[in-house]
Amino acid sequence: LYNSQARDLEVLCPDFTEYGKKFVRSFNLHPDSYFQCALQLAYYRLHGRPAPAYETGMTRQFYHGRTETVRACTMEAVDWCKAMDDDTVTVEEKRDLMIRALKKHVELMDEAKNGNGCDRHLMGL
């Protein structure tokens, strides 16, 4: 079964060269948060619901630092995704919601990086 499915698999890796992290940073936005929110929006538009996604946050500042979970699906991200497809929401409101979602993601990354995330703690219980 695996071999037949693997033979039928096609992987496409397109290059996106329109802009990169320097452009995103020029707006004082974090590139990783920007990308995670873009993934949330893409999933929301495809499936009509938020993506149950997370990413790994490094805790390397600690001796034998491991990882912590950073949840990309926040209420701020969901509010932004909903607003993006709502014609009654102004561009300024959409921008403010996006910035709020990105700031929340940066906040969660900082918590995880500093050992203040909750996922690994709960897993240990």
N, C-alpha and C. Protein backbone atom coordinates (compact mmCIF):
# COMPACT_ATOMS: atom_id res chain seq x y z
N LEU A 1 0.83 -1.19 0.00
CA LEU A 1 0.00 0.00 0.00
C LEU A 1 0.88 1.26 0.00
N TYR A 2 1.90 1.27 0.87
CA TYR A 2 2.77 2.45 0.95
C TYR A 2 3.46 2.72 -0.39
N ASN A 3 4.04 1.67 -0.98
CA ASN A 3 4.77 1.86 -2.23
C ASN A 3 3.87 2.35 -3.35
N SER A 4 2.65 1.86 -3.42
CA SER A 4 1.75 2.32 -4.48
C SER A 4 1.35 3.78 -4.27
N GLN A 5 1.16 4.16 -3.02
CA GLN A 5 0.82 5.57 -2.74
C GLN A 5 2.04 6.47 -2.96
N ALA A 6 3.21 6.00 -2.58
CA ALA A 6 4.43 6.80 -2.76
C ALA A 6 4.74 7.02 -4.23
N ARG A 7 4.48 6.02 -5.06
CA ARG A 7 4.72 6.17 -6.50
C ARG A 7 3.76 7.18 -7.12
N ASP A 8 2.60 7.36 -6.51
CA ASP A 8 1.58 8.26 -7.03
C ASP A 8 1.72 9.68 -6.48
N LEU A 9 2.75 9.93 -5.69
CA LEU A 9 2.95 11.21 -5.05
C LEU A 9 3.75 12.15 -5.94
N GLU A 10 3.28 13.37 -6.05
CA GLU A 10 4.01 14.39 -6.79
C GLU A 10 4.22 15.58 -5.87
N VAL A 11 5.45 16.01 -5.72
CA VAL A 11 5.79 17.13 -4.86
C VAL A 11 6.22 18.30 -5.73
N LEU A 12 5.56 19.42 -5.52
CA LEU A 12 5.91 20.65 -6.24
C LEU A 12 6.44 21.65 -5.22
N CYS A 13 7.55 22.25 -5.51
CA CYS A 13 8.17 23.23 -4.62
C CYS A 13 8.35 24.55 -5.38
N PRO A 14 7.29 25.33 -5.45
CA PRO A 14 7.43 26.60 -6.18
C PRO A 14 8.25 27.61 -5.38
N ASP A 15 8.94 28.47 -6.08
CA ASP A 15 9.68 29.56 -5.45
C ASP A 15 8.78 30.78 -5.40
N PHE A 16 8.76 31.42 -4.22
CA PHE A 16 8.06 32.69 -4.09
C PHE A 16 9.11 33.76 -3.99
N THR A 17 9.18 34.61 -5.00
CA THR A 17 10.23 35.62 -5.05
C THR A 17 9.69 37.05 -5.07
N GLU A 18 8.39 37.20 -4.83
CA GLU A 18 7.79 38.54 -4.86
C GLU A 18 8.36 39.44 -3.76
N TYR A 19 8.52 38.87 -2.58
CA TYR A 19 9.13 39.60 -1.48
C TYR A 19 9.56 38.58 -0.42
N GLY A 20 10.33 39.05 0.56
CA GLY A 20 10.85 38.16 1.58
C GLY A 20 10.83 38.80 2.95
N LYS A 21 11.67 38.28 3.85
CA LYS A 21 11.62 38.73 5.23
C LYS A 21 12.06 40.19 5.40
N LYS A 22 12.94 40.67 4.52
CA LYS A 22 13.35 42.08 4.63
C LYS A 22 12.15 43.01 4.41
N PHE A 23 11.32 42.65 3.44
CA PHE A 23 10.13 43.45 3.18
C PHE A 23 9.18 43.41 4.38
N VAL A 24 8.96 42.23 4.93
CA VAL A 24 8.06 42.09 6.08
C VAL A 24 8.62 42.86 7.27
N ARG A 25 9.92 42.73 7.49
CA ARG A 25 10.55 43.45 8.61
C ARG A 25 10.50 44.97 8.42
N SER A 26 10.43 45.44 7.19
CA SER A 26 10.37 46.88 6.95
C SER A 26 9.09 47.49 7.53
N PHE A 27 8.11 46.65 7.82
CA PHE A 27 6.87 47.11 8.46
C PHE A 27 6.87 46.79 9.95
N ASN A 28 8.05 46.45 10.49
CA ASN A 28 8.21 46.08 11.90
C ASN A 28 7.34 44.87 12.26
N LEU A 29 7.26 43.92 11.35
CA LEU A 29 6.52 42.68 11.59
C LEU A 29 7.51 41.53 11.65
N HIS A 30 7.17 40.51 12.40
CA HIS A 30 8.03 39.33 12.51
C HIS A 30 7.71 38.38 11.36
N PRO A 31 8.71 38.01 10.56
CA PRO A 31 8.46 37.15 9.38
C PRO A 31 7.79 35.82 9.72
N ASP A 32 8.18 35.18 10.82
CA ASP A 32 7.57 33.90 11.17
C ASP A 32 6.10 34.09 11.53
N SER A 33 5.81 35.11 12.29
CA SER A 33 4.41 35.38 12.65
C SER A 33 3.59 35.70 11.42
N TYR A 34 4.18 36.46 10.52
CA TYR A 34 3.51 36.80 9.26
C TYR A 34 3.16 35.54 8.48
N PHE A 35 4.12 34.63 8.38
CA PHE A 35 3.90 33.40 7.63
C PHE A 35 2.87 32.50 8.32
N GLN A 36 2.96 32.39 9.64
CA GLN A 36 2.00 31.55 10.37
C GLN A 36 0.58 32.08 10.21
N CYS A 37 0.42 33.39 10.25
CA CYS A 37 -0.91 33.97 10.05
C CYS A 37 -1.38 33.78 8.61
N ALA A 38 -0.46 33.87 7.66
CA ALA A 38 -0.82 33.61 6.25
C ALA A 38 -1.30 32.17 6.08
N LEU A 39 -0.64 31.23 6.75
CA LEU A 39 -1.09 29.83 6.70
C LEU A 39 -2.48 29.68 7.31
N GLN A 40 -2.72 30.38 8.40
CA GLN A 40 -4.05 30.34 9.03
C GLN A 40 -5.11 30.85 8.06
N LEU A 41 -4.81 31.96 7.39
CA LEU A 41 -5.77 32.53 6.44
C LEU A 41 -6.01 31.58 5.27
N ALA A 42 -4.96 30.99 4.74
CA ALA A 42 -5.12 30.06 3.62
C ALA A 42 -5.98 28.87 4.02
N TYR A 43 -5.72 28.31 5.19
CA TYR A 43 -6.49 27.16 5.66
C TYR A 43 -7.95 27.57 5.88
N TYR A 44 -8.14 28.73 6.48
CA TYR A 44 -9.50 29.22 6.75
C TYR A 44 -10.28 29.40 5.44
N ARG A 45 -9.63 29.93 4.44
CA ARG A 45 -10.30 30.13 3.15
C ARG A 45 -10.58 28.81 2.44
N LEU A 46 -9.73 27.83 2.61
CA LEU A 46 -9.94 26.52 1.98
C LEU A 46 -11.01 25.69 2.68
N HIS A 47 -11.01 25.74 4.02
CA HIS A 47 -11.84 24.83 4.79
C HIS A 47 -12.97 25.50 5.58
N GLY A 48 -12.95 26.83 5.64
CA GLY A 48 -14.01 27.54 6.36
C GLY A 48 -13.92 27.44 7.86
N ARG A 49 -12.78 27.05 8.37
CA ARG A 49 -12.56 26.94 9.82
C ARG A 49 -11.07 27.14 10.09
N PRO A 50 -10.72 27.48 11.33
CA PRO A 50 -9.31 27.69 11.66
C PRO A 50 -8.51 26.40 11.59
N ALA A 51 -7.23 26.55 11.34
CA ALA A 51 -6.32 25.39 11.27
C ALA A 51 -5.84 25.03 12.67
N PRO A 52 -5.96 23.77 13.04
CA PRO A 52 -5.44 23.34 14.35
C PRO A 52 -3.93 23.16 14.27
N ALA A 53 -3.22 24.27 14.22
CA ALA A 53 -1.79 24.22 13.93
C ALA A 53 -0.96 24.70 15.11
N TYR A 54 0.27 24.21 15.15
CA TYR A 54 1.25 24.72 16.10
C TYR A 54 2.62 24.62 15.46
N GLU A 55 3.57 25.30 16.05
CA GLU A 55 4.95 25.20 15.60
C GLU A 55 5.85 25.03 16.82
N THR A 56 7.05 24.60 16.57
CA THR A 56 7.99 24.37 17.64
C THR A 56 8.72 25.65 18.00
N GLY A 57 8.75 25.95 19.27
CA GLY A 57 9.52 27.08 19.78
C GLY A 57 10.74 26.56 20.52
N MET A 58 11.88 27.12 20.24
CA MET A 58 13.12 26.64 20.85
C MET A 58 13.35 27.28 22.22
N THR A 59 13.84 26.47 23.14
CA THR A 59 14.21 26.97 24.47
C THR A 59 15.71 26.79 24.68
N ARG A 60 16.49 27.09 23.67
CA ARG A 60 17.92 26.82 23.69
C ARG A 60 18.69 27.68 24.69
N GLN A 61 18.07 28.72 25.23
CA GLN A 61 18.79 29.53 26.21
C GLN A 61 18.97 28.79 27.53
N PHE A 62 18.24 27.68 27.70
CA PHE A 62 18.36 26.88 28.90
C PHE A 62 19.33 25.72 28.69
N TYR A 63 19.96 25.29 29.74
CA TYR A 63 20.86 24.14 29.67
C TYR A 63 20.06 22.93 29.22
N HIS A 64 20.52 22.26 28.19
CA HIS A 64 19.79 21.13 27.58
C HIS A 64 18.40 21.56 27.14
N GLY A 65 18.28 22.80 26.69
CA GLY A 65 16.99 23.32 26.26
C GLY A 65 16.35 22.44 25.21
N ARG A 66 15.08 22.27 25.32
CA ARG A 66 14.34 21.43 24.38
C ARG A 66 13.44 22.33 23.54
N THR A 67 12.21 21.95 23.43
CA THR A 67 11.26 22.74 22.64
C THR A 67 10.01 22.98 23.45
N GLU A 68 9.25 23.92 22.99
CA GLU A 68 7.92 24.22 23.54
C GLU A 68 7.01 24.44 22.36
N THR A 69 5.75 24.26 22.58
CA THR A 69 4.77 24.41 21.52
C THR A 69 4.28 25.85 21.44
N VAL A 70 4.21 26.38 20.23
CA VAL A 70 3.64 27.71 19.99
C VAL A 70 2.38 27.49 19.16
N ARG A 71 1.26 27.82 19.73
CA ARG A 71 -0.02 27.66 19.03
C ARG A 71 -0.24 28.82 18.07
N ALA A 72 -0.37 28.50 16.81
CA ALA A 72 -0.56 29.54 15.79
C ALA A 72 -2.03 29.93 15.67
N CYS A 73 -2.93 29.07 16.10
CA CYS A 73 -4.35 29.34 15.98
C CYS A 73 -4.84 30.03 17.25
N THR A 74 -4.82 31.34 17.23
CA THR A 74 -5.28 32.14 18.37
C THR A 74 -6.59 32.80 18.01
N MET A 75 -7.27 33.32 19.02
CA MET A 75 -8.51 34.05 18.75
C MET A 75 -8.24 35.28 17.88
N GLU A 76 -7.08 35.89 18.08
CA GLU A 76 -6.71 37.05 17.28
C GLU A 76 -6.55 36.66 15.81
N ALA A 77 -5.93 35.51 15.56
CA ALA A 77 -5.76 35.04 14.18
C ALA A 77 -7.10 34.69 13.56
N VAL A 78 -7.98 34.07 14.33
CA VAL A 78 -9.31 33.70 13.82
C VAL A 78 -10.12 34.96 13.50
N ASP A 79 -10.07 35.94 14.39
CA ASP A 79 -10.78 37.20 14.14
C ASP A 79 -10.28 37.86 12.86
N TRP A 80 -8.98 37.84 12.65
CA TRP A 80 -8.41 38.43 11.43
C TRP A 80 -8.85 37.65 10.20
N CYS A 81 -8.80 36.33 10.26
CA CYS A 81 -9.21 35.51 9.11
C CYS A 81 -10.67 35.78 8.74
N LYS A 82 -11.53 35.86 9.73
CA LYS A 82 -12.95 36.15 9.46
C LYS A 82 -13.10 37.53 8.82
N ALA A 83 -12.36 38.49 9.34
CA ALA A 83 -12.46 39.86 8.82
C ALA A 83 -11.97 39.96 7.38
N MET A 84 -10.98 39.16 7.02
CA MET A 84 -10.42 39.23 5.68
C MET A 84 -11.44 38.88 4.60
N ASP A 85 -12.42 38.07 4.94
CA ASP A 85 -13.45 37.69 3.96
C ASP A 85 -14.76 38.42 4.17
N ASP A 86 -14.74 39.44 5.01
CA ASP A 86 -15.94 40.22 5.30
C ASP A 86 -15.83 41.58 4.60
N ASP A 87 -16.68 41.80 3.62
CA ASP A 87 -16.63 43.05 2.85
C ASP A 87 -17.02 44.28 3.66
N THR A 88 -17.67 44.07 4.80
CA THR A 88 -18.07 45.22 5.62
C THR A 88 -16.93 45.73 6.50
N VAL A 89 -15.84 44.99 6.59
CA VAL A 89 -14.70 45.40 7.40
C VAL A 89 -13.76 46.23 6.54
N THR A 90 -13.37 47.38 7.06
CA THR A 90 -12.50 48.27 6.28
C THR A 90 -11.07 47.73 6.22
N VAL A 91 -10.31 48.25 5.27
CA VAL A 91 -8.91 47.85 5.12
C VAL A 91 -8.13 48.18 6.39
N GLU A 92 -8.42 49.32 6.99
CA GLU A 92 -7.72 49.73 8.21
C GLU A 92 -8.02 48.76 9.35
N GLU A 93 -9.28 48.35 9.47
CA GLU A 93 -9.64 47.38 10.52
C GLU A 93 -8.95 46.03 10.27
N LYS A 94 -8.90 45.63 9.01
CA LYS A 94 -8.22 44.37 8.67
C LYS A 94 -6.74 44.45 9.02
N ARG A 95 -6.13 45.58 8.72
CA ARG A 95 -4.71 45.78 9.05
C ARG A 95 -4.50 45.72 10.56
N ASP A 96 -5.37 46.40 11.31
CA ASP A 96 -5.24 46.39 12.77
C ASP A 96 -5.43 44.99 13.34
N LEU A 97 -6.37 44.24 12.80
CA LEU A 97 -6.58 42.86 13.26
C LEU A 97 -5.38 41.98 12.91
N MET A 98 -4.79 42.21 11.74
CA MET A 98 -3.61 41.44 11.36
C MET A 98 -2.45 41.74 12.30
N ILE A 99 -2.23 43.00 12.59
CA ILE A 99 -1.14 43.38 13.49
C ILE A 99 -1.38 42.80 14.88
N ARG A 100 -2.63 42.82 15.34
CA ARG A 100 -2.96 42.23 16.63
C ARG A 100 -2.67 40.73 16.64
N ALA A 101 -3.00 40.04 15.55
CA ALA A 101 -2.74 38.59 15.45
C ALA A 101 -1.25 38.31 15.43
N LEU A 102 -0.50 39.11 14.69
CA LEU A 102 0.95 38.92 14.63
C LEU A 102 1.60 39.20 15.98
N LYS A 103 1.15 40.23 16.67
CA LYS A 103 1.70 40.55 17.99
C LYS A 103 1.41 39.43 18.98
N LYS A 104 0.22 38.85 18.91
CA LYS A 104 -0.12 37.73 19.78
C LYS A 104 0.81 36.55 19.51
N HIS A 105 1.09 36.29 18.25
CA HIS A 105 1.98 35.18 17.91
C HIS A 105 3.39 35.44 18.43
N VAL A 106 3.88 36.66 18.30
CA VAL A 106 5.21 37.00 18.82
C VAL A 106 5.22 36.84 20.34
N GLU A 107 4.15 37.25 20.99
CA GLU A 107 4.04 37.10 22.44
C GLU A 107 4.11 35.63 22.85
N LEU A 108 3.41 34.77 22.12
CA LEU A 108 3.44 33.33 22.42
C LEU A 108 4.82 32.74 22.14
N MET A 109 5.48 33.21 21.08
CA MET A 109 6.85 32.74 20.81
C MET A 109 7.79 33.13 21.94
N ASP A 110 7.65 34.36 22.44
CA ASP A 110 8.50 34.82 23.54
C ASP A 110 8.24 34.01 24.80
N GLU A 111 6.97 33.72 25.09
CA GLU A 111 6.64 32.91 26.26
C GLU A 111 7.29 31.53 26.15
N ALA A 112 7.16 30.93 24.99
CA ALA A 112 7.73 29.59 24.78
C ALA A 112 9.25 29.63 24.90
N LYS A 113 9.87 30.62 24.28
CA LYS A 113 11.33 30.74 24.29
C LYS A 113 11.85 30.93 25.72
N ASN A 114 11.09 31.61 26.55
CA ASN A 114 11.52 31.90 27.91
C ASN A 114 11.07 30.84 28.92
N GLY A 115 10.53 29.73 28.42
CA GLY A 115 10.14 28.65 29.30
C GLY A 115 8.80 28.86 29.99
N ASN A 116 7.99 29.77 29.47
CA ASN A 116 6.71 30.07 30.10
C ASN A 116 5.52 29.51 29.32
N GLY A 117 5.78 28.63 28.39
CA GLY A 117 4.68 27.98 27.66
C GLY A 117 4.00 26.97 28.56
N CYS A 118 2.81 26.55 28.18
CA CYS A 118 2.07 25.63 29.04
C CYS A 118 2.02 24.20 28.49
N ASP A 119 2.28 24.00 27.22
CA ASP A 119 2.08 22.67 26.63
C ASP A 119 2.98 21.60 27.23
N ARG A 120 4.26 21.86 27.33
CA ARG A 120 5.17 20.85 27.87
C ARG A 120 4.89 20.59 29.35
N HIS A 121 4.51 21.63 30.06
CA HIS A 121 4.14 21.47 31.46
C HIS A 121 2.92 20.55 31.59
N LEU A 122 1.91 20.80 30.78
CA LEU A 122 0.71 19.98 30.84
C LEU A 122 1.01 18.55 30.39
N MET A 123 1.88 18.39 29.40
CA MET A 123 2.23 17.05 28.95
C MET A 123 2.95 16.29 30.08
N GLY A 124 3.75 16.99 30.86
CA GLY A 124 4.45 16.36 31.97
C GLY A 124 3.53 15.91 33.10
N LEU A 125 2.40 16.59 33.23
CA LEU A 125 1.46 16.19 34.27
C LEU A 125 0.79 14.90 33.91
